[in-house]
Amino acid sequence: MIKNPLFLDVMPLGEISTNDALEFIFKSIHDRDDGIWLPHDSILIRRLIELFSQRGLDRLTYVRDQIIEWETGAHYNEHSVIIPRPNMMERWNKEELSFVKIYLESLFPTDWTLDDHMLAIDYVVQRYLPADEMKTEAEWLTTRAGLMGKVQANLDAAVALSGAVVDKILGAMPTTVKQADTQFNLPAQQKSMLDFARVRAAENVRALTESVRHDMRSTIINHLEGNVAAVSGTPSQSLQSKLFDRFAVHNRDWRRIAVTEAGEAQTQGYVASLAVGTKIKRVERYANACKFCRKIDGVIATVVAPDHPSKNHDTDVWVGKNNIGRSASPRKRVGDVLVPRTPDEMWHLPAGLAHPHCRGRWVPVIVAEAGDDPDFAAWLQKTLA
């Protein structure tokens, strides 16, 4: 029995805000705890996630440290000749980056204008979070994670998976969709799945990069404005402390991308590599699994074609089946009334992950003797020999 229940009056919020609040309440908000840093339960993508996470965290740490160094004058060169201030640009080439660096290091930060502080942020982000390299990182993660789904579908049941075995497979894998298609002559469905995973991950990484740039600019603006307005002798939080706090958020965002995009690519890749009619079982047994994921744990699903005329959303899965656009909340506000959502509006059993930070996976119900692709199976056997 619930004691002292809490009642929330959402009437003043309006329809849109009420539905946003309900969605947030019912969603699995895993990024609010430290469970996001636990190793992934699937050994197939555990190594990928940790490598991608660490490389991204190293980049973000370097960006944070570089901003602190520029703002504290560590890069000031008293012998540098002061040059005209460069114009603001969206994308810089190497020569333009060099020009900006020369300009910034010719002035001590106390002589910078507010625009110079913004220029320094743009320089650091473009220098250490370049769009092309971040796109490459995203494709590296999703291509290999997607192919790990194909590995799972073609792996001999007698093979004991270990970290060393997975590393051996990863070392022999291509790192781009084009290379994978050339090497394995992928069926159209599998190549399409890898392309969607590549583009989706690249977009999320790009959004994070833009978020870092915007967040750092806002942090610097607020810090400088606070210093101007501060009463003499009143201590304020240091810029370094503020940046550490903000980058803790970005680190968690990067981890979310690592776990979610690798898991989505691997599970969708596995489904894409199975024959129609194959039975597979959902596994959702990890720390902090949400109520919905616990409900689908152990569900036996049948792989069907995406164009199957009578797909069952509760028991069938197909490539591309996901919860995008669906809701975790059983009710929605229409006017001034809460009404039940229809089954078509609610989360359902996905082929990939149920939500961001989800760690769901598939295992075979009956292990087949042969996989979907004899040539790929032969390559895998040769790689492990």
Protein backbone atom coordinates (compact mmCIF):
# COMPACT_ATOMS: atom_id res chain seq x y z
CA MET A 1 0.00 0.00 0.00
CA ILE A 2 1.33 3.43 -0.94
CA LYS A 3 1.56 5.81 1.99
CA ASN A 4 1.24 9.55 1.53
CA PRO A 5 0.78 9.48 -2.27
CA LEU A 6 2.04 12.50 -4.17
CA PHE A 7 -0.45 14.22 -6.44
CA LEU A 8 0.84 16.37 -9.26
CA ASP A 9 -1.45 19.06 -10.68
CA VAL A 10 -0.59 19.38 -14.37
CA MET A 11 -3.69 21.32 -15.36
CA PRO A 12 -1.89 24.70 -15.58
CA LEU A 13 0.83 23.26 -17.86
CA GLY A 14 -1.21 22.98 -21.02
CA GLU A 15 -1.49 20.04 -23.40
CA ILE A 16 2.02 20.02 -24.91
CA SER A 17 3.86 20.53 -21.62
CA THR A 18 1.75 17.90 -19.87
CA ASN A 19 2.54 15.30 -22.52
CA ASP A 20 6.24 16.20 -22.38
CA ALA A 21 6.20 15.75 -18.60
CA LEU A 22 4.39 12.41 -18.81
CA GLU A 23 6.86 11.19 -21.43
CA PHE A 24 9.81 12.11 -19.24
CA ILE A 25 8.30 10.48 -16.15
CA PHE A 26 7.60 7.16 -17.88
CA LYS A 27 10.80 6.94 -19.89
CA SER A 28 13.81 5.01 -18.67
CA ILE A 29 16.20 7.81 -17.69
CA HIS A 30 19.38 5.76 -17.32
CA ASP A 31 21.75 8.70 -17.65
CA ARG A 32 20.80 9.79 -14.13
CA ASP A 33 22.88 7.09 -12.44
CA ASP A 34 26.33 5.55 -12.71
CA GLY A 35 25.03 2.33 -14.27
CA ILE A 36 25.83 3.80 -17.68
CA TRP A 37 29.54 3.16 -17.02
CA LEU A 38 29.14 -0.55 -16.27
CA PRO A 39 30.62 -2.89 -18.93
CA HIS A 40 28.05 -4.02 -21.49
CA ASP A 41 26.53 -7.47 -20.98
CA SER A 42 27.17 -8.51 -24.58
CA ILE A 43 30.78 -9.52 -25.07
CA LEU A 44 30.29 -8.99 -28.82
CA ILE A 45 30.21 -5.20 -28.48
CA ARG A 46 31.70 -4.63 -25.01
CA ARG A 47 35.16 -3.90 -26.37
CA LEU A 48 33.82 -1.62 -29.11
CA ILE A 49 31.85 0.44 -26.60
CA GLU A 50 34.79 0.86 -24.24
CA LEU A 51 37.19 1.84 -27.04
CA PHE A 52 34.75 4.34 -28.55
CA SER A 53 33.91 5.71 -25.11
CA GLN A 54 37.53 6.18 -24.10
CA ARG A 55 38.55 7.83 -27.37
CA GLY A 56 35.64 10.25 -27.10
CA LEU A 57 36.26 10.99 -23.42
CA ASP A 58 39.93 11.66 -24.17
CA ARG A 59 38.92 14.15 -26.85
CA LEU A 60 36.46 15.90 -24.56
CA THR A 61 38.98 16.08 -21.74
CA TYR A 62 41.51 17.62 -24.08
CA VAL A 63 38.96 20.18 -25.29
CA ARG A 64 38.16 21.15 -21.70
CA ASP A 65 41.85 21.44 -20.76
CA GLN A 66 42.62 23.45 -23.89
CA ILE A 67 39.83 25.93 -23.13
CA ILE A 68 41.19 26.36 -19.61
CA GLU A 69 44.72 26.90 -20.96
CA TRP A 70 43.62 29.49 -23.49
CA GLU A 71 41.50 31.33 -20.93
CA THR A 72 44.34 31.44 -18.40
CA GLY A 73 46.99 32.64 -20.84
CA ALA A 74 49.00 29.44 -21.08
CA HIS A 75 49.29 29.87 -24.86
CA TYR A 76 50.15 33.57 -24.79
CA ASN A 77 53.28 34.38 -26.81
CA GLU A 78 54.68 37.76 -25.87
CA HIS A 79 56.95 37.72 -28.91
CA SER A 80 54.11 37.18 -31.36
CA VAL A 81 53.21 40.06 -33.66
CA ILE A 82 49.62 41.23 -33.23
CA ILE A 83 47.68 40.62 -36.45
CA PRO A 84 44.16 41.69 -37.52
CA ARG A 85 41.38 39.69 -35.96
CA PRO A 86 40.14 36.85 -38.25
CA ASN A 87 36.51 36.81 -39.32
CA MET A 88 34.16 34.24 -37.75
CA MET A 89 33.80 31.11 -39.87
CA GLU A 90 31.71 27.95 -39.79
CA ARG A 91 34.37 25.57 -41.08
CA TRP A 92 38.11 26.27 -41.10
CA ASN A 93 40.89 24.68 -43.11
CA LYS A 94 44.40 24.13 -41.71
CA GLU A 95 45.65 27.53 -42.84
CA GLU A 96 42.72 29.32 -41.22
CA LEU A 97 43.17 27.37 -37.98
CA SER A 98 46.82 28.38 -37.94
CA PHE A 99 45.90 32.01 -38.56
CA VAL A 100 43.43 32.02 -35.66
CA LYS A 101 46.00 30.42 -33.37
CA ILE A 102 48.58 33.10 -34.18
CA TYR A 103 46.05 35.83 -33.50
CA LEU A 104 44.88 34.40 -30.17
CA GLU A 105 48.34 33.73 -28.79
CA SER A 106 49.46 37.29 -29.63
CA LEU A 107 47.11 38.69 -26.95
CA PHE A 108 46.86 37.87 -23.25
CA PRO A 109 43.28 36.85 -22.29
CA THR A 110 42.84 40.02 -20.23
CA ASP A 111 43.17 41.94 -23.51
CA TRP A 112 40.66 39.76 -25.37
CA THR A 113 37.32 41.11 -26.41
CA LEU A 114 34.20 39.02 -25.82
CA ASP A 115 34.38 38.00 -29.48
CA ASP A 116 37.96 36.82 -28.94
CA HIS A 117 36.78 34.51 -26.15
CA MET A 118 34.16 33.09 -28.53
CA LEU A 119 36.81 32.70 -31.22
CA ALA A 120 38.95 30.69 -28.82
CA ILE A 121 36.06 28.30 -28.14
CA ASP A 122 35.44 27.85 -31.86
CA TYR A 123 39.14 27.25 -32.46
CA VAL A 124 39.41 24.54 -29.80
CA VAL A 125 36.25 22.73 -30.92
CA GLN A 126 37.18 22.82 -34.61
CA ARG A 127 40.76 21.81 -33.84
CA TYR A 128 40.02 18.88 -31.53
CA LEU A 129 36.46 17.86 -32.46
CA PRO A 130 36.67 18.18 -36.26
CA ALA A 131 33.52 17.16 -38.10
CA ASP A 132 35.22 14.74 -40.51
CA GLU A 133 37.05 12.86 -37.77
CA MET A 134 33.95 12.63 -35.61
CA LYS A 135 32.00 11.24 -38.56
CA THR A 136 34.74 8.64 -39.05
CA GLU A 137 34.55 7.67 -35.38
CA ALA A 138 30.78 7.14 -35.68
CA GLU A 139 31.13 4.95 -38.78
CA TRP A 140 33.92 2.93 -37.13
CA LEU A 141 31.62 2.11 -34.21
CA THR A 142 28.44 1.27 -36.12
CA THR A 143 30.04 -0.68 -38.96
CA ARG A 144 31.83 -3.03 -36.61
CA ALA A 145 28.89 -3.29 -34.22
CA GLY A 146 26.54 -4.06 -37.11
CA LEU A 147 28.91 -6.72 -38.43
CA MET A 148 29.06 -8.20 -34.94
CA GLY A 149 25.37 -8.96 -35.43
CA LYS A 150 26.35 -10.89 -38.53
CA VAL A 151 29.08 -12.61 -36.53
CA GLN A 152 26.52 -13.73 -33.95
CA ALA A 153 24.30 -15.16 -36.67
CA ASN A 154 27.17 -17.14 -38.21
CA LEU A 155 29.13 -18.11 -35.11
CA ASP A 156 29.60 -21.79 -34.46
CA ALA A 157 27.97 -22.72 -31.15
CA ALA A 158 31.14 -24.56 -30.17
CA VAL A 159 33.22 -21.36 -30.22
CA ALA A 160 33.78 -20.02 -26.71
CA LEU A 161 33.68 -16.25 -26.88
CA SER A 162 36.27 -14.39 -24.84
CA GLY A 163 37.78 -10.94 -24.97
CA ALA A 164 40.74 -12.28 -26.94
CA VAL A 165 38.49 -13.99 -29.49
CA VAL A 166 36.39 -10.83 -29.95
CA ASP A 167 39.53 -8.72 -30.36
CA LYS A 168 40.73 -11.11 -33.04
CA ILE A 169 37.47 -10.76 -34.95
CA LEU A 170 37.47 -6.98 -34.57
CA GLY A 171 41.03 -6.76 -35.83
CA ALA A 172 40.04 -8.45 -39.09
CA MET A 173 36.90 -6.40 -39.66
CA PRO A 174 36.51 -3.48 -42.08
CA THR A 175 35.84 -0.06 -40.55
CA THR A 176 33.52 1.51 -43.13
CA VAL A 177 30.27 0.45 -44.74
CA LYS A 178 31.85 0.65 -48.19
CA GLN A 179 34.69 -1.64 -47.14
CA ALA A 180 32.24 -4.07 -45.54
CA ASP A 181 30.07 -4.18 -48.65
CA THR A 182 33.11 -4.74 -50.88
CA GLN A 183 34.62 -7.44 -48.67
CA PHE A 184 31.46 -9.40 -47.88
CA ASN A 185 29.14 -8.50 -50.78
CA LEU A 186 26.39 -7.66 -48.30
CA PRO A 187 22.72 -8.30 -49.14
CA ALA A 188 20.78 -5.08 -49.72
CA GLN A 189 18.96 -5.34 -46.38
CA GLN A 190 22.18 -5.64 -44.38
CA LYS A 191 23.92 -2.82 -46.23
CA SER A 192 20.89 -0.59 -45.72
CA MET A 193 20.91 -1.37 -42.01
CA LEU A 194 24.59 -0.39 -41.76
CA ASP A 195 23.95 2.83 -43.69
CA PHE A 196 21.14 3.86 -41.37
CA ALA A 197 23.29 3.07 -38.33
CA ARG A 198 26.20 5.06 -39.77
CA VAL A 199 24.14 8.16 -40.56
CA ARG A 200 22.22 8.07 -37.27
CA ALA A 201 25.37 7.79 -35.18
CA ALA A 202 27.13 10.52 -37.19
CA GLU A 203 24.18 12.84 -36.62
CA ASN A 204 24.21 12.19 -32.89
CA VAL A 205 27.96 12.78 -32.69
CA ARG A 206 27.60 15.99 -34.72
CA ALA A 207 24.83 17.16 -32.39
CA LEU A 208 27.07 16.50 -29.37
CA THR A 209 29.91 18.48 -30.94
CA GLU A 210 27.58 21.42 -31.56
CA SER A 211 26.28 21.09 -28.01
CA VAL A 212 29.82 21.28 -26.63
CA ARG A 213 30.54 24.40 -28.69
CA HIS A 214 27.31 26.12 -27.66
CA ASP A 215 27.63 25.08 -24.00
CA MET A 216 31.23 26.30 -23.73
CA ARG A 217 30.38 29.63 -25.33
CA SER A 218 27.47 30.11 -22.92
CA THR A 219 29.63 29.11 -19.94
CA ILE A 220 32.35 31.59 -20.85
CA ILE A 221 29.82 34.38 -21.48
CA ASN A 222 28.10 33.81 -18.14
CA HIS A 223 31.43 33.58 -16.31
CA LEU A 224 32.75 36.82 -17.77
CA GLU A 225 29.47 38.59 -17.18
CA GLY A 226 29.43 37.36 -13.60
CA ASN A 227 32.94 38.70 -13.03
CA VAL A 228 31.91 42.12 -14.32
CA ALA A 229 28.82 42.22 -12.13
CA ALA A 230 30.40 40.64 -9.05
CA VAL A 231 30.72 42.67 -5.89
CA SER A 232 34.34 43.26 -5.00
CA GLY A 233 35.63 40.64 -2.60
CA THR A 234 32.80 38.20 -3.25
CA PRO A 235 34.25 34.85 -4.35
CA SER A 236 32.65 33.15 -7.36
CA GLN A 237 32.92 29.64 -8.74
CA SER A 238 36.08 29.36 -10.83
CA LEU A 239 35.89 28.90 -14.57
CA GLN A 240 37.77 25.62 -14.22
CA SER A 241 35.16 24.30 -11.80
CA LYS A 242 32.33 25.37 -14.10
CA LEU A 243 33.94 23.65 -17.09
CA PHE A 244 34.49 20.45 -15.12
CA ASP A 245 30.80 20.42 -14.21
CA ARG A 246 29.68 21.00 -17.80
CA PHE A 247 32.01 18.39 -19.29
CA ALA A 248 30.75 15.79 -16.83
CA VAL A 249 27.40 16.14 -18.64
CA HIS A 250 29.02 15.86 -22.08
CA ASN A 251 30.95 12.77 -20.98
CA ARG A 252 27.68 11.07 -20.10
CA ASP A 253 26.20 12.14 -23.44
CA TRP A 254 29.14 10.52 -25.23
CA ARG A 255 28.70 7.31 -23.24
CA ARG A 256 25.02 7.28 -24.22
CA ILE A 257 26.00 7.45 -27.88
CA ALA A 258 28.51 4.62 -27.43
CA VAL A 259 26.09 2.26 -25.66
CA THR A 260 23.00 3.11 -27.69
CA GLU A 261 24.44 3.23 -31.21
CA ALA A 262 26.58 0.11 -30.79
CA GLY A 263 23.68 -1.81 -29.23
CA GLU A 264 21.22 -0.69 -31.90
CA ALA A 265 23.57 -1.60 -34.75
CA GLN A 266 24.43 -5.00 -33.28
CA THR A 267 20.86 -6.08 -32.55
CA GLN A 268 19.52 -4.81 -35.88
CA GLY A 269 22.50 -6.44 -37.62
CA TYR A 270 21.70 -9.74 -35.96
CA VAL A 271 18.05 -9.64 -37.03
CA ALA A 272 19.08 -8.63 -40.57
CA SER A 273 21.34 -11.69 -40.77
CA LEU A 274 18.72 -14.25 -39.77
CA ALA A 275 16.41 -16.17 -42.07
CA VAL A 276 12.71 -15.39 -42.01
CA GLY A 277 10.99 -17.65 -39.49
CA THR A 278 13.95 -17.82 -37.09
CA LYS A 279 13.00 -17.78 -33.41
CA ILE A 280 15.05 -15.58 -31.08
CA LYS A 281 14.76 -14.63 -27.40
CA ARG A 282 15.04 -11.17 -25.89
CA VAL A 283 17.46 -10.70 -22.97
CA GLU A 284 17.06 -7.64 -20.73
CA ARG A 285 18.96 -8.64 -17.59
CA TYR A 286 21.23 -5.82 -16.50
CA ALA A 287 21.42 -3.25 -13.73
CA ASN A 288 18.64 -0.66 -13.74
CA ALA A 289 16.61 -2.22 -16.58
CA CYS A 290 13.38 -0.22 -16.87
CA LYS A 291 9.89 -1.60 -16.32
CA PHE A 292 9.22 -1.97 -20.05
CA CYS A 293 12.49 -3.81 -20.70
CA ARG A 294 11.89 -6.16 -17.78
CA LYS A 295 8.50 -6.92 -19.33
CA ILE A 296 9.99 -7.99 -22.67
CA ASP A 297 12.83 -10.00 -21.08
CA GLY A 298 12.51 -13.60 -22.22
CA VAL A 299 10.01 -12.88 -25.00
CA ILE A 300 10.34 -15.29 -27.92
CA ALA A 301 10.07 -13.46 -31.23
CA THR A 302 9.87 -14.56 -34.85
CA VAL A 303 11.91 -12.84 -37.55
CA VAL A 304 9.65 -11.73 -40.40
CA ALA A 305 10.17 -9.71 -43.57
CA PRO A 306 9.65 -5.93 -43.23
CA ASP A 307 6.88 -6.12 -45.84
CA HIS A 308 5.03 -9.01 -44.20
CA PRO A 309 1.31 -8.18 -44.57
CA SER A 310 0.21 -9.25 -41.09
CA LYS A 311 3.06 -8.48 -38.73
CA ASN A 312 2.41 -8.98 -35.02
CA HIS A 313 4.00 -6.12 -33.05
CA ASP A 314 4.13 -8.19 -29.86
CA THR A 315 5.73 -11.37 -31.23
CA ASP A 316 7.40 -10.47 -34.56
CA VAL A 317 10.54 -8.49 -35.29
CA TRP A 318 11.92 -7.22 -38.57
CA VAL A 319 14.85 -5.10 -39.67
CA GLY A 320 14.22 -1.46 -38.82
CA LYS A 321 11.52 -2.09 -36.20
CA ASN A 322 12.04 0.48 -33.45
CA ASN A 323 10.25 2.74 -30.97
CA ILE A 324 10.98 6.06 -32.65
CA GLY A 325 7.85 8.21 -32.46
CA ARG A 326 6.20 5.92 -29.92
CA SER A 327 5.52 6.66 -26.26
CA ALA A 328 6.34 5.11 -22.91
CA SER A 329 3.43 6.90 -21.23
CA PRO A 330 0.11 4.97 -21.17
CA ARG A 331 -1.86 8.22 -21.28
CA LYS A 332 -1.79 11.52 -23.10
CA ARG A 333 -3.52 14.81 -22.60
CA VAL A 334 -6.16 15.86 -25.11
CA GLY A 335 -7.61 19.22 -24.19
CA ASP A 336 -8.14 19.08 -20.43
CA VAL A 337 -8.55 15.29 -20.21
CA LEU A 338 -6.05 12.44 -19.88
CA VAL A 339 -6.96 9.65 -22.31
CA PRO A 340 -5.43 6.19 -22.85
CA ARG A 341 -2.99 5.86 -25.72
CA THR A 342 -3.79 3.35 -28.43
CA PRO A 343 -1.52 0.29 -28.76
CA ASP A 344 -0.07 1.76 -31.97
CA GLU A 345 1.17 4.77 -30.00
CA MET A 346 2.93 2.76 -27.28
CA TRP A 347 6.39 1.25 -27.12
CA HIS A 348 6.46 -2.25 -28.56
CA LEU A 349 8.96 -5.07 -28.88
CA PRO A 350 11.77 -3.60 -31.03
CA ALA A 351 14.29 -5.32 -33.25
CA GLY A 352 16.96 -3.00 -31.87
CA LEU A 353 16.97 -1.21 -28.54
CA ALA A 354 13.88 -0.06 -26.68
CA HIS A 355 15.28 3.38 -25.75
CA PRO A 356 18.58 5.27 -25.27
CA HIS A 357 20.95 3.51 -22.84
CA CYS A 358 19.01 0.26 -23.30
CA ARG A 359 21.27 -2.82 -23.19
CA GLY A 360 18.86 -5.37 -24.60
CA ARG A 361 20.11 -8.16 -26.83
CA TRP A 362 18.94 -11.25 -28.70
CA VAL A 363 20.00 -14.86 -28.29
CA PRO A 364 19.00 -17.80 -30.51
CA VAL A 365 16.27 -20.12 -29.29
CA ILE A 366 17.71 -23.01 -31.31
CA VAL A 367 21.27 -22.69 -32.54
CA ALA A 368 21.38 -23.42 -36.23
CA GLU A 369 24.22 -25.39 -37.78
CA ALA A 370 24.78 -22.84 -40.52
CA GLY A 371 24.44 -19.09 -40.64
CA ASP A 372 22.88 -16.83 -43.22
CA ASP A 373 26.03 -16.47 -45.28
CA PRO A 374 28.36 -19.45 -46.02
CA ASP A 375 31.10 -17.14 -47.33
CA PHE A 376 30.98 -14.96 -44.23
CA ALA A 377 30.92 -18.05 -42.02
CA ALA A 378 34.02 -19.32 -43.84
CA TRP A 379 35.74 -15.94 -43.33
CA LEU A 380 34.85 -16.04 -39.62
CA GLN A 381 36.15 -19.59 -39.26
CA LYS A 382 39.39 -18.67 -41.02
CA THR A 383 39.79 -15.56 -38.83
CA LEU A 384 39.42 -17.61 -35.66
CA ALA A 385 41.64 -20.46 -36.88
